[in-house]
PDB file of N, CA and C in Angstrom:
ATOM      1  N   MET A   1     130.025 108.355  49.852  1.00  0.00           N
ATOM      2  CA  MET A   1     129.729 107.014  49.383  1.00  0.00           C
ATOM      3  C   MET A   1     130.400 105.973  50.261  1.00  0.00           C
ATOM      4  N   GLY A   2     131.169 106.141  51.174  1.00  0.00           N
ATOM      5  CA  GLY A   2     131.690 105.104  52.055  1.00  0.00           C
ATOM      6  C   GLY A   2     132.593 104.132  51.329  1.00  0.00           C
ATOM      7  N   TYR A   3     132.793 103.008  51.952  1.00  0.00           N
ATOM      8  CA  TYR A   3     133.630 101.962  51.370  1.00  0.00           C
ATOM      9  C   TYR A   3     132.813 100.679  51.240  1.00  0.00           C
ATOM     10  N   PRO A   4     132.108 100.500  50.144  1.00  0.00           N
ATOM     11  CA  PRO A   4     131.258  99.311  50.024  1.00  0.00           C
ATOM     12  C   PRO A   4     132.066  98.009  49.958  1.00  0.00           C
ATOM     13  N   PHE A   5     133.218  98.036  49.289  1.00  0.00           N
ATOM     14  CA  PHE A   5     134.006  96.804  49.205  1.00  0.00           C
ATOM     15  C   PHE A   5     134.533  96.421  50.577  1.00  0.00           C
ATOM     16  N   LEU A   6     134.997  97.395  51.342  1.00  0.00           N
ATOM     17  CA  LEU A   6     135.481  97.124  52.681  1.00  0.00           C
ATOM     18  C   LEU A   6     134.351  96.631  53.584  1.00  0.00           C
ATOM     19  N   GLY A   7     133.172  97.189  53.417  1.00  0.00           N
ATOM     20  CA  GLY A   7     132.012  96.742  54.200  1.00  0.00           C
ATOM     21  C   GLY A   7     131.653  95.299  53.890  1.00  0.00           C
ATOM     22  N   VAL A   8     131.659  94.953  52.623  1.00  0.00           N
ATOM     23  CA  VAL A   8     131.367  93.569  52.223  1.00  0.00           C
ATOM     24  C   VAL A   8     132.434  92.635  52.761  1.00  0.00           C
ATOM     25  N   PHE A   9     133.673  93.055  52.657  1.00  0.00           N
ATOM     26  CA  PHE A   9     134.774  92.232  53.148  1.00  0.00           C
ATOM     27  C   PHE A   9     134.663  91.994  54.649  1.00  0.00           C
ATOM     28  N   LEU A  10     134.390  93.046  55.412  1.00  0.00           N
ATOM     29  CA  LEU A  10     134.265  92.897  56.859  1.00  0.00           C
ATOM     30  C   LEU A  10     133.051  92.054  57.237  1.00  0.00           C
ATOM     31  N   THR A  11     131.962  92.200  56.519  1.00  0.00           N
ATOM     32  CA  THR A  11     130.779  91.372  56.780  1.00  0.00           C
ATOM     33  C   THR A  11     131.086  89.900  56.528  1.00  0.00           C
ATOM     34  N   MET A  12     131.765  89.617  55.432  1.00  0.00           N
ATOM     35  CA  MET A  12     132.134  88.227  55.134  1.00  0.00           C
ATOM     36  C   MET A  12     133.113  87.703  56.171  1.00  0.00           C
ATOM     37  N   LEU A  13     134.055  88.532  56.591  1.00  0.00           N
ATOM     38  CA  LEU A  13     135.017  88.114  57.610  1.00  0.00           C
ATOM     39  C   LEU A  13     134.307  87.742  58.907  1.00  0.00           C
ATOM     40  N   TRP A  14     133.403  88.603  59.362  1.00  0.00           N
ATOM     41  CA  TRP A  14     132.666  88.308  60.594  1.00  0.00           C
ATOM     42  C   TRP A  14     131.795  87.067  60.435  1.00  0.00           C
ATOM     43  N   PHE A  15     131.178  86.897  59.264  1.00  0.00           N
ATOM     44  CA  PHE A  15     130.342  85.714  59.031  1.00  0.00           C
ATOM     45  C   PHE A  15     131.169  84.436  59.109  1.00  0.00           C
ATOM     46  N   PHE A  16     132.321  84.420  58.459  1.00  0.00           N
ATOM     47  CA  PHE A  16     133.142  83.215  58.473  1.00  0.00           C
ATOM     48  C   PHE A  16     133.762  82.962  59.842  1.00  0.00           C
ATOM     49  N   LEU A  17     134.122  84.013  60.555  1.00  0.00           N
ATOM     50  CA  LEU A  17     134.606  83.824  61.923  1.00  0.00           C
ATOM     51  C   LEU A  17     133.516  83.245  62.814  1.00  0.00           C
ATOM     52  N   PHE A  18     132.286  83.715  62.626  1.00  0.00           N
ATOM     53  CA  PHE A  18     131.167  83.166  63.395  1.00  0.00           C
ATOM     54  C   PHE A  18     130.929  81.696  63.034  1.00  0.00           C
ATOM     55  N   ALA A  19     131.015  81.364  61.752  1.00  0.00           N
ATOM     56  CA  ALA A  19     130.822  79.969  61.328  1.00  0.00           C
ATOM     57  C   ALA A  19     131.914  79.068  61.905  1.00  0.00           C
ATOM     58  N   ILE A  20     133.141  79.541  61.925  1.00  0.00           N
ATOM     59  CA  ILE A  20     134.240  78.760  62.513  1.00  0.00           C
ATOM     60  C   ILE A  20     134.013  78.573  63.999  1.00  0.00           C
ATOM     61  N   TRP A  21     133.550  79.636  64.667  1.00  0.00           N
ATOM     62  CA  TRP A  21     133.302  79.536  66.102  1.00  0.00           C
ATOM     63  C   TRP A  21     132.167  78.549  66.402  1.00  0.00           C
ATOM     64  N   VAL A  22     131.105  78.560  65.593  1.00  0.00           N
ATOM     65  CA  VAL A  22     129.992  77.619  65.798  1.00  0.00           C
ATOM     66  C   VAL A  22     130.479  76.186  65.597  1.00  0.00           C
ATOM     67  N   CYS A  23     131.300  75.939  64.586  1.00  0.00           N
ATOM     68  CA  CYS A  23     131.851  74.597  64.373  1.00  0.00           C
ATOM     69  C   CYS A  23     132.703  74.174  65.560  1.00  0.00           C
ATOM     70  N   THR A  24     133.519  75.098  66.063  1.00  0.00           N
ATOM     71  CA  THR A  24     134.344  74.794  67.235  1.00  0.00           C
ATOM     72  C   THR A  24     133.474  74.489  68.441  1.00  0.00           C
ATOM     73  N   LEU A  25     132.389  75.226  68.597  1.00  0.00           N
ATOM     74  CA  LEU A  25     131.461  74.984  69.701  1.00  0.00           C
ATOM     75  C   LEU A  25     130.869  73.574  69.615  1.00  0.00           C
ATOM     76  N   PHE A  26     130.471  73.153  68.428  1.00  0.00           N
ATOM     77  CA  PHE A  26     129.922  71.804  68.266  1.00  0.00           C
ATOM     78  C   PHE A  26     130.972  70.736  68.520  1.00  0.00           C
ATOM     79  N   VAL A  27     132.199  70.981  68.107  1.00  0.00           N
ATOM     80  CA  VAL A  27     133.275  70.019  68.363  1.00  0.00           C
ATOM     81  C   VAL A  27     133.514  69.880  69.862  1.00  0.00           C
ATOM     82  N   VAL A  28     133.512  70.996  70.574  1.00  0.00           N
ATOM     83  CA  VAL A  28     133.724  70.950  72.018  1.00  0.00           C
ATOM     84  C   VAL A  28     132.576  70.221  72.705  1.00  0.00           C
ATOM     85  N   ILE A  29     131.346  70.511  72.324  1.00  0.00           N
ATOM     86  CA  ILE A  29     130.200  69.830  72.944  1.00  0.00           C
ATOM     87  C   ILE A  29     130.244  68.339  72.645  1.00  0.00           C
ATOM     88  N   ALA A  30     130.586  67.964  71.418  1.00  0.00           N
ATOM     89  CA  ALA A  30     130.703  66.537  71.081  1.00  0.00           C
ATOM     90  C   ALA A  30     131.812  65.880  71.893  1.00  0.00           C
ATOM     91  N   ASP A  31     132.922  66.590  72.091  1.00  0.00           N
ATOM     92  CA  ASP A  31     134.028  66.033  72.871  1.00  0.00           C
ATOM     93  C   ASP A  31     133.641  65.875  74.334  1.00  0.00           C
ATOM     94  N   VAL A  32     132.850  66.790  74.859  1.00  0.00           N
ATOM     95  CA  VAL A  32     132.381  66.655  76.246  1.00  0.00           C
ATOM     96  C   VAL A  32     131.593  65.362  76.395  1.00  0.00           C
ATOM     97  N   PHE A  33     130.704  65.097  75.461  1.00  0.00           N
ATOM     98  CA  PHE A  33     129.877  63.894  75.572  1.00  0.00           C
ATOM     99  C   PHE A  33     130.639  62.619  75.237  1.00  0.00           C
ATOM    100  N   GLN A  34     131.675  62.695  74.413  1.00  0.00           N
ATOM    101  CA  GLN A  34     132.460  61.502  74.075  1.00  0.00           C
ATOM    102  C   GLN A  34     133.472  61.148  75.146  1.00  0.00           C
ATOM    103  N   SER A  35     133.805  62.091  75.987  1.00  0.00           N
ATOM    104  CA  SER A  35     134.857  61.883  76.974  1.00  0.00           C
ATOM    105  C   SER A  35     134.412  60.871  78.023  1.00  0.00           C
ATOM    106  N   ARG A  36     135.172  59.794  78.138  1.00  0.00           N
ATOM    107  CA  ARG A  36     134.838  58.737  79.097  1.00  0.00           C
ATOM    108  C   ARG A  36     135.450  58.991  80.469  1.00  0.00           C
ATOM    109  N   ASP A  37     136.397  59.903  80.550  1.00  0.00           N
ATOM    110  CA  ASP A  37     137.047  60.153  81.829  1.00  0.00           C
ATOM    111  C   ASP A  37     136.346  61.230  82.654  1.00  0.00           C
ATOM    112  N   LEU A  38     135.313  61.870  82.121  1.00  0.00           N
ATOM    113  CA  LEU A  38     134.544  62.858  82.870  1.00  0.00           C
ATOM    114  C   LEU A  38     133.318  62.202  83.488  1.00  0.00           C
ATOM    115  N   SER A  39     133.009  62.605  84.717  1.00  0.00           N
ATOM    116  CA  SER A  39     131.782  62.118  85.349  1.00  0.00           C
ATOM    117  C   SER A  39     130.592  62.887  84.763  1.00  0.00           C
ATOM    118  N   GLY A  40     129.417  62.471  85.136  1.00  0.00           N
ATOM    119  CA  GLY A  40     128.224  63.152  84.653  1.00  0.00           C
ATOM    120  C   GLY A  40     128.160  64.600  85.106  1.00  0.00           C
ATOM    121  N   TRP A  41     128.546  64.852  86.362  1.00  0.00           N
ATOM    122  CA  TRP A  41     128.543  66.220  86.881  1.00  0.00           C
ATOM    123  C   TRP A  41     129.585  67.078  86.173  1.00  0.00           C
ATOM    124  N   ALA A  42     130.731  66.514  85.878  1.00  0.00           N
ATOM    125  CA  ALA A  42     131.757  67.283  85.160  1.00  0.00           C
ATOM    126  C   ALA A  42     131.285  67.626  83.754  1.00  0.00           C
ATOM    127  N   LYS A  43     130.613  66.676  83.104  1.00  0.00           N
ATOM    128  CA  LYS A  43     130.065  66.956  81.776  1.00  0.00           C
ATOM    129  C   LYS A  43     129.015  68.051  81.848  1.00  0.00           C
ATOM    130  N   ALA A  44     128.159  67.985  82.867  1.00  0.00           N
ATOM    131  CA  ALA A  44     127.138  69.017  83.032  1.00  0.00           C
ATOM    132  C   ALA A  44     127.782  70.370  83.307  1.00  0.00           C
ATOM    133  N   GLY A  45     128.848  70.386  84.091  1.00  0.00           N
ATOM    134  CA  GLY A  45     129.535  71.635  84.376  1.00  0.00           C
ATOM    135  C   GLY A  45     130.157  72.249  83.141  1.00  0.00           C
ATOM    136  N   TRP A  46     130.856  71.432  82.355  1.00  0.00           N
ATOM    137  CA  TRP A  46     131.455  71.961  81.128  1.00  0.00           C
ATOM    138  C   TRP A  46     130.375  72.426  80.161  1.00  0.00           C
ATOM    139  N   LEU A  47     129.298  71.676  80.064  1.00  0.00           N
ATOM    140  CA  LEU A  47     128.214  72.058  79.161  1.00  0.00           C
ATOM    141  C   LEU A  47     127.574  73.370  79.612  1.00  0.00           C
ATOM    142  N   ALA A  48     127.360  73.528  80.923  1.00  0.00           N
ATOM    143  CA  ALA A  48     126.807  74.786  81.441  1.00  0.00           C
ATOM    144  C   ALA A  48     127.765  75.935  81.176  1.00  0.00           C
ATOM    145  N   CYS A  49     129.048  75.703  81.350  1.00  0.00           N
ATOM    146  CA  CYS A  49     130.051  76.740  81.094  1.00  0.00           C
ATOM    147  C   CYS A  49     130.045  77.155  79.627  1.00  0.00           C
ATOM    148  N   VAL A  50     129.913  76.187  78.740  1.00  0.00           N
ATOM    149  CA  VAL A  50     129.913  76.477  77.305  1.00  0.00           C
ATOM    150  C   VAL A  50     128.616  77.171  76.886  1.00  0.00           C
ATOM    151  N   ILE A  51     127.496  76.837  77.544  1.00  0.00           N
ATOM    152  CA  ILE A  51     126.225  77.457  77.173  1.00  0.00           C
ATOM    153  C   ILE A  51     126.090  78.857  77.775  1.00  0.00           C
ATOM    154  N   VAL A  52     126.477  79.018  79.049  1.00  0.00           N
ATOM    155  CA  VAL A  52     126.307  80.313  79.713  1.00  0.00           C
ATOM    156  C   VAL A  52     127.305  81.340  79.186  1.00  0.00           C
ATOM    157  N   LEU A  53     128.557  80.962  79.100  1.00  0.00           N
ATOM    158  CA  LEU A  53     129.602  81.864  78.594  1.00  0.00           C
ATOM    159  C   LEU A  53     130.273  81.183  77.405  1.00  0.00           C
ATOM    160  N   PRO A  54     129.666  81.237  76.235  1.00  0.00           N
ATOM    161  CA  PRO A  54     130.133  80.414  75.112  1.00  0.00           C
ATOM    162  C   PRO A  54     131.594  80.627  74.728  1.00  0.00           C
ATOM    163  N   LEU A  55     131.999  81.856  74.496  1.00  0.00           N
ATOM    164  CA  LEU A  55     133.364  82.083  74.034  1.00  0.00           C
ATOM    165  C   LEU A  55     134.372  81.725  75.115  1.00  0.00           C
ATOM    166  N   LEU A  56     134.120  82.160  76.324  1.00  0.00           N
ATOM    167  CA  LEU A  56     135.018  81.851  77.432  1.00  0.00           C
ATOM    168  C   LEU A  56     135.013  80.354  77.734  1.00  0.00           C
ATOM    169  N   GLY A  57     133.833  79.727  77.673  1.00  0.00           N
ATOM    170  CA  GLY A  57     133.743  78.290  77.933  1.00  0.00           C
ATOM    171  C   GLY A  57     134.521  77.467  76.934  1.00  0.00           C
ATOM    172  N   VAL A  58     134.423  77.823  75.661  1.00  0.00           N
ATOM    173  CA  VAL A  58     135.162  77.097  74.623  1.00  0.00           C
ATOM    174  C   VAL A  58     136.662  77.297  74.803  1.00  0.00           C
ATOM    175  N   LEU A  59     137.059  78.515  75.103  1.00  0.00           N
ATOM    176  CA  LEU A  59     138.488  78.786  75.299  1.00  0.00           C
ATOM    177  C   LEU A  59     139.028  78.050  76.531  1.00  0.00           C
ATOM    178  N   LEU A  60     138.258  78.033  77.627  1.00  0.00           N
ATOM    179  CA  LEU A  60     138.688  77.308  78.823  1.00  0.00           C
ATOM    180  C   LEU A  60     138.770  75.810  78.563  1.00  0.00           C
ATOM    181  N   TYR A  61     137.793  75.277  77.845  1.00  0.00           N
ATOM    182  CA  TYR A  61     137.814  73.848  77.530  1.00  0.00           C
ATOM    183  C   TYR A  61     139.031  73.501  76.675  1.00  0.00           C
ATOM    184  N   ALA A  62     139.305  74.344  75.692  1.00  0.00           N
ATOM    185  CA  ALA A  62     140.468  74.096  74.838  1.00  0.00           C
ATOM    186  C   ALA A  62     141.766  74.197  75.638  1.00  0.00           C
ATOM    187  N   ALA A  63     141.800  75.106  76.614  1.00  0.00           N
ATOM    188  CA  ALA A  63     143.013  75.267  77.410  1.00  0.00           C
ATOM    189  C   ALA A  63     143.221  74.095  78.366  1.00  0.00           C
ATOM    190  N   PHE A  64     142.154  73.634  79.014  1.00  0.00           N
ATOM    191  CA  PHE A  64     142.300  72.592  80.026  1.00  0.00           C
ATOM    192  C   PHE A  64     142.249  71.176  79.461  1.00  0.00           C
ATOM    193  N   ARG A  65     141.447  70.948  78.457  1.00  0.00           N
ATOM    194  CA  ARG A  65     141.256  69.582  77.962  1.00  0.00           C
ATOM    195  C   ARG A  65     141.562  69.446  76.478  1.00  0.00           C
ATOM    196  N   GLY A  66     142.163  70.455  75.882  1.00  0.00           N
ATOM    197  CA  GLY A  66     142.386  70.458  74.432  1.00  0.00           C
ATOM    198  C   GLY A  66     143.361  69.421  73.938  1.00  0.00           C
ATOM    199  N   GLU A  67     144.384  69.104  74.731  1.00  0.00           N
ATOM    200  CA  GLU A  67     145.399  68.178  74.229  1.00  0.00           C
ATOM    201  C   GLU A  67     144.878  66.750  74.093  1.00  0.00           C
ATOM    202  N   GLY A  68     143.835  66.398  74.821  1.00  0.00           N
ATOM    203  CA  GLY A  68     143.285  65.050  74.715  1.00  0.00           C
ATOM    204  C   GLY A  68     142.167  64.921  73.702  1.00  0.00           C
ATOM    205  N   MET A  69     141.776  66.029  73.068  1.00  0.00           N
ATOM    206  CA  MET A  69     140.655  65.969  72.127  1.00  0.00           C
ATOM    207  C   MET A  69     140.960  65.081  70.932  1.00  0.00           C
ATOM    208  N   SER A  70     142.169  65.141  70.417  1.00  0.00           N
ATOM    209  CA  SER A  70     142.498  64.320  69.238  1.00  0.00           C
ATOM    210  C   SER A  70     142.528  62.843  69.605  1.00  0.00           C
ATOM    211  N   GLU A  71     143.022  62.504  70.813  1.00  0.00           N
ATOM    212  CA  GLU A  71     143.030  61.096  71.220  1.00  0.00           C
ATOM    213  C   GLU A  71     141.607  60.572  71.385  1.00  0.00           C
ATOM    214  N   ARG A  72     140.730  61.401  71.981  1.00  0.00           N
ATOM    215  CA  ARG A  72     139.338  60.960  72.152  1.00  0.00           C
ATOM    216  C   ARG A  72     138.637  60.822  70.805  1.00  0.00           C
ATOM    217  N   SER A  73     138.947  61.708  69.878  1.00  0.00           N
ATOM    218  CA  SER A  73     138.359  61.611  68.543  1.00  0.00           C
ATOM    219  C   SER A  73     138.853  60.358  67.818  1.00  0.00           C
ATOM    220  N   ALA A  74     140.142  60.053  67.945  1.00  0.00           N
ATOM    221  CA  ALA A  74     140.685  58.846  67.313  1.00  0.00           C
ATOM    222  C   ALA A  74     140.099  57.595  67.944  1.00  0.00           C
ATOM    223  N   GLU A  75     139.913  57.614  69.271  1.00  0.00           N
ATOM    224  CA  GLU A  75     139.322  56.460  69.945  1.00  0.00           C
ATOM    225  C   GLU A  75     137.879  56.253  69.496  1.00  0.00           C
ATOM    226  N   ALA A  76     137.123  57.335  69.353  1.00  0.00           N
ATOM    227  CA  ALA A  76     135.741  57.222  68.873  1.00  0.00           C
ATOM    228  C   ALA A  76     135.711  56.686  67.449  1.00  0.00           C
ATOM    229  N   SER A  77     136.664  57.108  66.631  1.00  0.00           N
ATOM    230  CA  SER A  77     136.738  56.611  65.260  1.00  0.00           C
ATOM    231  C   SER A  77     137.057  55.120  65.236  1.00  0.00           C
ATOM    232  N   ARG A  78     137.968  54.683  66.115  1.00  0.00           N
ATOM    233  CA  ARG A  78     138.279  53.247  66.192  1.00  0.00           C
ATOM    234  C   ARG A  78     137.063  52.449  66.657  1.00  0.00           C
ATOM    235  N   ARG A  79     136.309  52.982  67.612  1.00  0.00           N
ATOM    236  CA  ARG A  79     135.103  52.277  68.076  1.00  0.00           C
ATOM    237  C   ARG A  79     134.084  52.158  66.954  1.00  0.00           C
ATOM    238  N   ARG A  80     133.914  53.230  66.160  1.00  0.00           N
ATOM    239  CA  ARG A  80     132.988  53.166  65.034  1.00  0.00           C
ATOM    240  C   ARG A  80     133.451  52.140  64.007  1.00  0.00           C
ATOM    241  N   ASP A  81     134.762  52.080  63.764  1.00  0.00           N
ATOM    242  CA  ASP A  81     135.285  51.101  62.806  1.00  0.00           C
ATOM    243  C   ASP A  81     135.049  49.674  63.280  1.00  0.00           C
ATOM    244  N   VAL A  82     135.225  49.436  64.581  1.00  0.00           N
ATOM    245  CA  VAL A  82     134.988  48.097  65.130  1.00  0.00           C
ATOM    246  C   VAL A  82     133.517  47.730  64.995  1.00  0.00           C
ATOM    247  N   LEU A  83     132.628  48.686  65.267  1.00  0.00           N
ATOM    248  CA  LEU A  83     131.201  48.414  65.113  1.00  0.00           C
ATOM    249  C   LEU A  83     130.842  48.178  63.655  1.00  0.00           C
ATOM    250  N   TYR A  84     131.493  48.903  62.757  1.00  0.00           N
ATOM    251  CA  TYR A  84     131.222  48.735  61.338  1.00  0.00           C
ATOM    252  C   TYR A  84     131.649  47.358  60.844  1.00  0.00           C
ATOM    253  N   GLN A  85     132.711  46.813  61.435  1.00  0.00           N
ATOM    254  CA  GLN A  85     133.189  45.494  61.018  1.00  0.00           C
ATOM    255  C   GLN A  85     132.092  44.442  61.172  1.00  0.00           C
ATOM    256  N   GLY A  86     131.249  44.597  62.182  1.00  0.00           N
ATOM    257  CA  GLY A  86     130.177  43.641  62.400  1.00  0.00           C
ATOM    258  C   GLY A  86     129.076  43.715  61.364  1.00  0.00           C
ATOM    259  N   PHE A  87     129.000  44.823  60.625  1.00  0.00           N
ATOM    260  CA  PHE A  87     127.926  44.995  59.659  1.00  0.00           C
ATOM    261  C   PHE A  87     128.396  44.903  58.219  1.00  0.00           C
ATOM    262  N   ARG A  88     129.581  44.389  58.023  1.00  0.00           N
ATOM    263  CA  ARG A  88     130.049  44.207  56.652  1.00  0.00           C
ATOM    264  C   ARG A  88     129.162  43.185  55.955  1.00  0.00           C
ATOM    265  N   PRO A  89     128.930  43.364  54.695  1.00  0.00           N
ATOM    266  CA  PRO A  89     128.001  42.474  53.985  1.00  0.00           C
ATOM    267  C   PRO A  89     128.632  41.142  53.605  1.00  0.00           C
ATOM    268  N   SER A  90     129.163  40.412  54.595  1.00  0.00           N
ATOM    269  CA  SER A  90     129.809  39.137  54.289  1.00  0.00           C
ATOM    270  C   SER A  90     128.788  38.109  53.811  1.00  0.00           C
ATOM    271  N   ALA A  91     127.582  38.152  54.370  1.00  0.00           N
ATOM    272  CA  ALA A  91     126.553  37.213  53.928  1.00  0.00           C
ATOM    273  C   ALA A  91     126.172  37.478  52.477  1.00  0.00           C
ATOM    274  N   VAL A  92     126.091  38.732  52.102  1.00  0.00           N
ATOM    275  CA  VAL A  92     125.768  39.075  50.724  1.00  0.00           C
ATOM    276  C   VAL A  92     126.904  38.658  49.810  1.00  0.00           C
ATOM    277  N   GLN A  93     128.143  38.875  50.243  1.00  0.00           N
ATOM    278  CA  GLN A  93     129.280  38.496  49.416  1.00  0.00           C
ATOM    279  C   GLN A  93     129.338  36.983  49.246  1.00  0.00           C
ATOM    280  N   SER A  94     129.071  36.220  50.317  1.00  0.00           N
ATOM    281  CA  SER A  94     129.123  34.771  50.184  1.00  0.00           C
ATOM    282  C   SER A  94     128.017  34.274  49.257  1.00  0.00           C
ATOM    283  N   ARG A  95     126.870  34.946  49.277  1.00  0.00           N
ATOM    284  CA  ARG A  95     125.802  34.560  48.357  1.00  0.00           C
ATOM    285  C   ARG A  95     126.218  34.846  46.925  1.00  0.00           C
ATOM    286  N   ALA A  96     126.877  35.983  46.699  1.00  0.00           N
ATOM    287  CA  ALA A  96     127.325  36.315  45.348  1.00  0.00           C
ATOM    288  C   ALA A  96     128.378  35.313  44.874  1.00  0.00           C
ATOM    289  N   VAL A  97     129.279  34.913  45.770  1.00  0.00           N
ATOM    290  CA  VAL A  97     130.299  33.925  45.424  1.00  0.00           C
ATOM    291  C   VAL A  97     129.636  32.587  45.095  1.00  0.00           C
ATOM    292  N   ALA A  98     128.669  32.192  45.900  1.00  0.00           N
ATOM    293  CA  ALA A  98     127.974  30.923  45.648  1.00  0.00           C
ATOM    294  C   ALA A  98     127.222  30.967  44.321  1.00  0.00           C
ATOM    295  N   ASP A  99     126.587  32.095  44.029  1.00  0.00           N
ATOM    296  CA  ASP A  99     125.884  32.226  42.752  1.00  0.00           C
ATOM    297  C   ASP A  99     126.846  32.152  41.574  1.00  0.00           C
ATOM    298  N   GLU A 100     128.006  32.796  41.722  1.00  0.00           N
ATOM    299  CA  GLU A 100     128.968  32.767  40.625  1.00  0.00           C
ATOM    300  C   GLU A 100     129.548  31.365  40.429  1.00  0.00           C
ATOM    301  N   LEU A 101     129.787  30.661  41.542  1.00  0.00           N
ATOM    302  CA  LEU A 101     130.258  29.272  41.412  1.00  0.00           C
ATOM    303  C   LEU A 101     129.213  28.388  40.769  1.00  0.00           C
ATOM    304  N   ALA A 102     127.953  28.621  41.099  1.00  0.00           N
ATOM    305  CA  ALA A 102     126.880  27.839  40.475  1.00  0.00           C
ATOM    306  C   ALA A 102     126.816  28.110  38.974  1.00  0.00           C
ATOM    307  N   LYS A 103     126.998  29.361  38.583  1.00  0.00           N
ATOM    308  CA  LYS A 103     126.995  29.693  37.148  1.00  0.00           C
ATOM    309  C   LYS A 103     128.168  29.040  36.435  1.00  0.00           C
ATOM    310  N   LEU A 104     129.345  29.049  37.094  1.00  0.00           N
ATOM    311  CA  LEU A 104     130.515  28.400  36.489  1.00  0.00           C
ATOM    312  C   LEU A 104     130.287  26.899  36.343  1.00  0.00           C
ATOM    313  N   ALA A 105     129.702  26.263  37.361  1.00  0.00           N
ATOM    314  CA  ALA A 105     129.422  24.826  37.286  1.00  0.00           C
ATOM    315  C   ALA A 105     128.424  24.536  36.179  1.00  0.00           C
ATOM    316  N   HIS A 106     127.441  25.414  36.030  1.00  0.00           N
ATOM    317  CA  HIS A 106     126.454  25.227  34.972  1.00  0.00           C
ATOM    318  C   HIS A 106     127.114  25.335  33.595  1.00  0.00           C
ATOM    319  N   LEU A 107     128.021  26.326  33.430  1.00  0.00           N
ATOM    320  CA  LEU A 107     128.720  26.453  32.155  1.00  0.00           C
ATOM    321  C   LEU A 107     129.617  25.250  31.884  1.00  0.00           C
ATOM    322  N   ARG A 108     130.241  24.706  32.946  1.00  0.00           N
ATOM    323  CA  ARG A 108     131.083  23.518  32.778  1.00  0.00           C
ATOM    324  C   ARG A 108     130.222  22.316  32.390  1.00  0.00           C
ATOM    325  N   ASP A 109     129.055  22.190  33.035  1.00  0.00           N
ATOM    326  CA  ASP A 109     128.177  21.059  32.724  1.00  0.00           C
ATOM    327  C   ASP A 109     127.631  21.142  31.302  1.00  0.00           C
ATOM    328  N   GLN A 110     127.443  22.345  30.797  1.00  0.00           N
ATOM    329  CA  GLN A 110     126.961  22.505  29.425  1.00  0.00           C
ATOM    330  C   GLN A 110     128.077  22.309  28.408  1.00  0.00           C
ATOM    331  N   GLY A 111     129.316  22.272  28.895  1.00  0.00           N
ATOM    332  CA  GLY A 111     130.434  22.059  27.989  1.00  0.00           C
ATOM    333  C   GLY A 111     131.032  23.344  27.446  1.00  0.00           C
ATOM    334  N   GLU A 112     130.622  24.486  27.950  1.00  0.00           N
ATOM    335  CA  GLU A 112     131.167  25.749  27.474  1.00  0.00           C
ATOM    336  C   GLU A 112     132.503  26.092  28.135  1.00  0.00           C
ATOM    337  N   LEU A 113     132.804  25.459  29.271  1.00  0.00           N
ATOM    338  CA  LEU A 113     134.084  25.638  29.955  1.00  0.00           C
ATOM    339  C   LEU A 113     134.762  24.288  30.098  1.00  0.00           C
ATOM    340  N   THR A 114     136.058  24.274  29.904  1.00  0.00           N
ATOM    341  CA  THR A 114     136.810  23.052  30.182  1.00  0.00           C
ATOM    342  C   THR A 114     137.052  22.966  31.685  1.00  0.00           C
ATOM    343  N   GLU A 115     137.550  21.816  32.130  1.00  0.00           N
ATOM    344  CA  GLU A 115     137.787  21.623  33.567  1.00  0.00           C
ATOM    345  C   GLU A 115     138.873  22.576  34.082  1.00  0.00           C
ATOM    346  N   GLU A 116     139.918  22.793  33.297  1.00  0.00           N
ATOM    347  CA  GLU A 116     140.973  23.701  33.771  1.00  0.00           C
ATOM    348  C   GLU A 116     140.502  25.155  33.771  1.00  0.00           C
ATOM    349  N   GLU A 117     139.661  25.553  32.792  1.00  0.00           N
ATOM    350  CA  GLU A 117     139.091  26.901  32.836  1.00  0.00           C
ATOM    351  C   GLU A 117     138.187  27.065  34.049  1.00  0.00           C
ATOM    352  N   PHE A 118     137.423  26.018  34.348  1.00  0.00           N
ATOM    353  CA  PHE A 118     136.547  26.052  35.521  1.00  0.00           C
ATOM    354  C   PHE A 118     137.375  26.206  36.799  1.00  0.00           C
ATOM    355  N   GLN A 119     138.449  25.455  36.934  1.00  0.00           N
ATOM    356  CA  GLN A 119     139.282  25.531  38.130  1.00  0.00           C
ATOM    357  C   GLN A 119     139.951  26.908  38.248  1.00  0.00           C
ATOM    358  N   ARG A 120     140.407  27.446  37.114  1.00  0.00           N
ATOM    359  CA  ARG A 120     141.044  28.764  37.133  1.00  0.00           C
ATOM    360  C   ARG A 120     140.040  29.843  37.560  1.00  0.00           C
ATOM    361  N   GLU A 121     138.849  29.807  36.977  1.00  0.00           N
ATOM    362  CA  GLU A 121     137.828  30.804  37.341  1.00  0.00           C
ATOM    363  C   GLU A 121     137.336  30.589  38.787  1.00  0.00           C
ATOM    364  N   LYS A 122     137.275  29.359  39.214  1.00  0.00           N
ATOM    365  CA  LYS A 122     136.850  29.053  40.587  1.00  0.00           C
ATOM    366  C   LYS A 122     137.862  29.622  41.570  1.00  0.00           C
ATOM    367  N   SER A 123     139.155  29.441  41.295  1.00  0.00           N
ATOM    368  CA  SER A 123     140.171  29.988  42.201  1.00  0.00           C
ATOM    369  C   SER A 123     140.128  31.536  42.191  1.00  0.00           C
ATOM    370  N   ARG A 124     139.817  32.133  41.047  1.00  0.00           N
ATOM    371  CA  ARG A 124     139.702  33.584  40.970  1.00  0.00           C
ATOM    372  C   ARG A 124     138.523  34.088  41.802  1.00  0.00           C
ATOM    373  N   VAL A 125     137.413  33.370  41.738  1.00  0.00           N
ATOM    374  CA  VAL A 125     136.215  33.787  42.489  1.00  0.00           C
ATOM    375  C   VAL A 125     136.430  33.610  43.983  1.00  0.00           C
ATOM    376  N   LEU A 126     137.117  32.559  44.377  1.00  0.00           N
ATOM    377  CA  LEU A 126     137.290  32.274  45.794  1.00  0.00           C
ATOM    378  C   LEU A 126     138.364  33.143  46.465  1.00  0.00           C
ATOM    379  N   THR A 127     139.175  33.840  45.684  1.00  0.00           N
ATOM    380  CA  THR A 127     140.202  34.697  46.319  1.00  0.00           C
ATOM    381  C   THR A 127     139.738  36.102  46.461  1.00  0.00           C
TER     382      THR A 127
END
């Protein structure tokens, strides 16, 4: 009857090791393309090395360029954050603030808010 539990365990081990290796391969390929200090030919060379000899290519890349991978990843994250700053919904927020101020003014004009309540709520909305 063999060892079915051991067989399942080894199959799962190999599957997860393969999944980790594929993730590492994608990280290395992404780092090759994100790297600004490599020329086009150097990027093509590393990519060919990773495609032709995948395990050796990934290990060589990690050995030669691994220490800068975290800095390049952090720099890419900072660039994305800077780009995201330009797309913040400030126009939508200012419209919401203007609408809320208009509602407060309408309530004050109807007499449902006193002047000091209006000023307090206005300062709350504007901060």
